[in-house]
C-alpha atoms as a PDB file:
ATOM      1  CA  TRP A   1     116.892 115.080 107.544  1.00  0.00           C
ATOM      2  CA  THR A   2     113.693 115.088 106.230  1.00  0.00           C
ATOM      3  CA  PHE A   3     111.213 118.158 106.059  1.00  0.00           C
ATOM      4  CA  ASN A   4     107.859 118.831 103.987  1.00  0.00           C
ATOM      5  CA  VAL A   5     106.800 122.037 103.225  1.00  0.00           C
ATOM      6  CA  GLY A   6     103.051 123.286 101.700  1.00  0.00           C
ATOM      7  CA  ALA A   7     101.042 125.924 100.426  1.00  0.00           C
ATOM      8  CA  ASP A   8      97.438 126.037  99.949  1.00  0.00           C
ATOM      9  CA  TYR A   9      94.632 128.689  99.646  1.00  0.00           C
ATOM     10  CA  ARG A  10      91.023 128.327  99.950  1.00  0.00           C
ATOM     11  CA  PHE A  11      88.442 130.653  98.535  1.00  0.00           C
ATOM     12  CA  ALA A  12      84.925 130.702  97.608  1.00  0.00           C
ATOM     13  CA  VAL A  13      83.444 129.277  94.375  1.00  0.00           C
ATOM     14  CA  SER A  14      79.907 129.842  95.390  1.00  0.00           C
ATOM     15  CA  ASP A  15      77.757 130.141  98.470  1.00  0.00           C
ATOM     16  CA  GLN A  16      78.000 126.680  98.854  1.00  0.00           C
ATOM     17  CA  VAL A  17      81.002 125.357  97.356  1.00  0.00           C
ATOM     18  CA  THR A  18      84.783 126.082  98.406  1.00  0.00           C
ATOM     19  CA  MET A  19      87.966 125.139  96.537  1.00  0.00           C
ATOM     20  CA  THR A  20      91.158 124.753  97.812  1.00  0.00           C
ATOM     21  CA  PRO A  21      94.567 123.922  95.957  1.00  0.00           C
ATOM     22  CA  ARG A  22      97.475 122.643  97.500  1.00  0.00           C
ATOM     23  CA  VAL A  23     101.390 122.327  96.323  1.00  0.00           C
ATOM     24  CA  ASN A  24     103.585 120.098  98.583  1.00  0.00           C
ATOM     25  CA  TYR A  25     107.079 119.571  98.526  1.00  0.00           C
ATOM     26  CA  ALA A  26     108.392 116.701 100.671  1.00  0.00           C
ATOM     27  CA  TYR A  27     112.414 116.010 101.336  1.00  0.00           C
ATOM     28  CA  VAL A  28     114.138 112.767 102.674  1.00  0.00           C
ATOM     29  CA  GLY A  29     118.029 112.905 103.108  1.00  0.00           C
ATOM     30  CA  GLY A  30     120.135 110.287 102.145  1.00  0.00           C
ATOM     31  CA  GLN A  31     120.673 107.525 104.713  1.00  0.00           C
ATOM     32  CA  PHE A  32     122.578 104.057 105.046  1.00  0.00           C
ATOM     33  CA  VAL A  33     120.961 100.988 105.460  1.00  0.00           C
ATOM     34  CA  ASP A  34     123.743  98.825 107.169  1.00  0.00           C
ATOM     35  CA  LEU A  35     125.872  99.017 109.374  1.00  0.00           C
ATOM     36  CA  THR A  36     129.095  98.860 106.829  1.00  0.00           C
ATOM     37  CA  TYR A  37     128.348 102.330 105.903  1.00  0.00           C
ATOM     38  CA  SER A  38     129.748 101.587 102.278  1.00  0.00           C
ATOM     39  CA  ARG A  39     128.388 104.470 100.242  1.00  0.00           C
ATOM     40  CA  THR A  40     128.837 101.934  97.040  1.00  0.00           C
ATOM     41  CA  THR A  41     126.362  99.656  98.398  1.00  0.00           C
ATOM     42  CA  ASP A  42     124.656 100.507 101.485  1.00  0.00           C
ATOM     43  CA  TYR A  43     123.456 104.198 100.739  1.00  0.00           C
ATOM     44  CA  LEU A  44     120.134 105.562  99.748  1.00  0.00           C
ATOM     45  CA  PRO A  45     120.712 108.860  98.246  1.00  0.00           C
ATOM     46  CA  ALA A  46     118.199 111.828  98.776  1.00  0.00           C
ATOM     47  CA  HIS A  47     115.374 112.812  96.998  1.00  0.00           C
ATOM     48  CA  GLY A  48     112.362 115.351  96.929  1.00  0.00           C
ATOM     49  CA  LEU A  49     108.729 115.047  95.627  1.00  0.00           C
ATOM     50  CA  ILE A  50     106.318 117.044  94.341  1.00  0.00           C
ATOM     51  CA  SER A  51     102.770 116.417  94.720  1.00  0.00           C
ATOM     52  CA  ALA A  52      99.740 118.752  94.421  1.00  0.00           C
ATOM     53  CA  LEU A  53      96.086 118.449  95.407  1.00  0.00           C
ATOM     54  CA  LEU A  54      92.686 120.193  93.906  1.00  0.00           C
ATOM     55  CA  THR A  55      89.768 120.056  96.636  1.00  0.00           C
ATOM     56  CA  PHE A  56      86.314 121.137  96.524  1.00  0.00           C
ATOM     57  CA  ASN A  57      84.049 121.325  99.589  1.00  0.00           C
ATOM     58  CA  LEU A  58      80.392 121.149  98.737  1.00  0.00           C
ATOM     59  CA  TYR A  59      77.460 122.033 100.979  1.00  0.00           C
ATOM     60  CA  ASP A  60      79.237 121.715 104.185  1.00  0.00           C
ATOM     61  CA  HIS A  61      79.508 117.533 103.969  1.00  0.00           C
ATOM     62  CA  TRP A  62      80.332 116.562 100.645  1.00  0.00           C
ATOM     63  CA  SER A  63      84.239 116.689  99.270  1.00  0.00           C
ATOM     64  CA  ALA A  64      85.396 116.278  95.933  1.00  0.00           C
ATOM     65  CA  GLU A  65      89.689 115.882  95.682  1.00  0.00           C
ATOM     66  CA  LEU A  66      92.039 115.584  92.734  1.00  0.00           C
ATOM     67  CA  TYR A  67      95.622 114.591  93.364  1.00  0.00           C
ATOM     68  CA  GLY A  68      98.832 114.135  91.745  1.00  0.00           C
ATOM     69  CA  THR A  69     102.179 112.266  93.907  1.00  0.00           C
ATOM     70  CA  ASN A  70     105.656 112.364  92.266  1.00  0.00           C
ATOM     71  CA  LEU A  71     104.769 114.810  89.562  1.00  0.00           C
ATOM     72  CA  ALA A  72     108.453 115.007  88.209  1.00  0.00           C
ATOM     73  CA  ASN A  73     108.180 111.215  87.868  1.00  0.00           C
ATOM     74  CA  LYS A  74     111.215 110.758  89.652  1.00  0.00           C
ATOM     75  CA  THR A  75     112.841 107.152  90.113  1.00  0.00           C
ATOM     76  CA  TYR A  76     114.083 106.965  93.763  1.00  0.00           C
ATOM     77  CA  PRO A  77     115.238 103.883  96.072  1.00  0.00           C
ATOM     78  CA  ILE A  78     113.130 103.557  99.424  1.00  0.00           C
ATOM     79  CA  GLY A  79     114.809 100.705 100.669  1.00  0.00           C
ATOM     80  CA  GLN A  80     117.386  97.691 100.058  1.00  0.00           C
ATOM     81  CA  VAL A  81     117.310  93.761 100.222  1.00  0.00           C
ATOM     82  CA  LEU A  82     120.667  92.405 101.571  1.00  0.00           C
ATOM     83  CA  THR A  83     121.285  89.534  99.420  1.00  0.00           C
ATOM     84  CA  SER A  84     124.336  88.582  97.578  1.00  0.00           C
ATOM     85  CA  ASP A  85     123.363  91.246  94.907  1.00  0.00           C
ATOM     86  CA  ASN A  86     122.375  94.020  97.082  1.00  0.00           C
ATOM     87  CA  TYR A  87     119.416  94.965  95.266  1.00  0.00           C
ATOM     88  CA  PHE A  88     117.116  98.346  95.648  1.00  0.00           C
ATOM     89  CA  THR A  89     113.260  98.566  95.957  1.00  0.00           C
ATOM     90  CA  TYR A  90     112.109 101.885  94.611  1.00  0.00           C
ATOM     91  CA  GLY A  91     109.055 104.126  95.471  1.00  0.00           C
ATOM     92  CA  PRO A  92     106.207 104.777  93.035  1.00  0.00           C
ATOM     93  CA  PRO A  93     106.150 106.861  90.124  1.00  0.00           C
ATOM     94  CA  ARG A  94     103.809 109.639  89.208  1.00  0.00           C
ATOM     95  CA  GLN A  95     100.272 108.912  89.961  1.00  0.00           C
ATOM     96  CA  TYR A  96      97.174 110.912  89.600  1.00  0.00           C
ATOM     97  CA  GLY A  97      93.859 110.130  91.332  1.00  0.00           C
ATOM     98  CA  ALA A  98      90.181 111.152  92.546  1.00  0.00           C
ATOM     99  CA  ARG A  99      88.437 111.154  96.323  1.00  0.00           C
ATOM    100  CA  ILE A 100      85.140 111.386  97.198  1.00  0.00           C
ATOM    101  CA  GLY A 101      84.329 111.815 100.776  1.00  0.00           C
ATOM    102  CA  TYR A 102      81.343 112.846 103.099  1.00  0.00           C
ATOM    103  CA  THR A 103      81.221 114.075 106.428  1.00  0.00           C
ATOM    104  CA  PHE A 104      78.746 113.567 109.030  1.00  0.00           C
END
């Protein structure tokens, strides 16, 4: 199972600027990565991630965004390399960033 739920609200800061805060939760259920279906060596456990975004729309064309992903800084496997050691690969840690855009 997977699902994603989020909430946002847009409001005017001025005549030319709007601000939209958003919070998001994404869930991925547990899954097997090999046909042997071993819970010990072939199973990726479920995980849920929280992210947030703050968007400013400026003068009809410009936008500026601040974002954060994996805000709880969870360590979670996203894949497995099937070798004699059977090790997992992991998703990214907490990240922050900014974006600027122009729509024409």
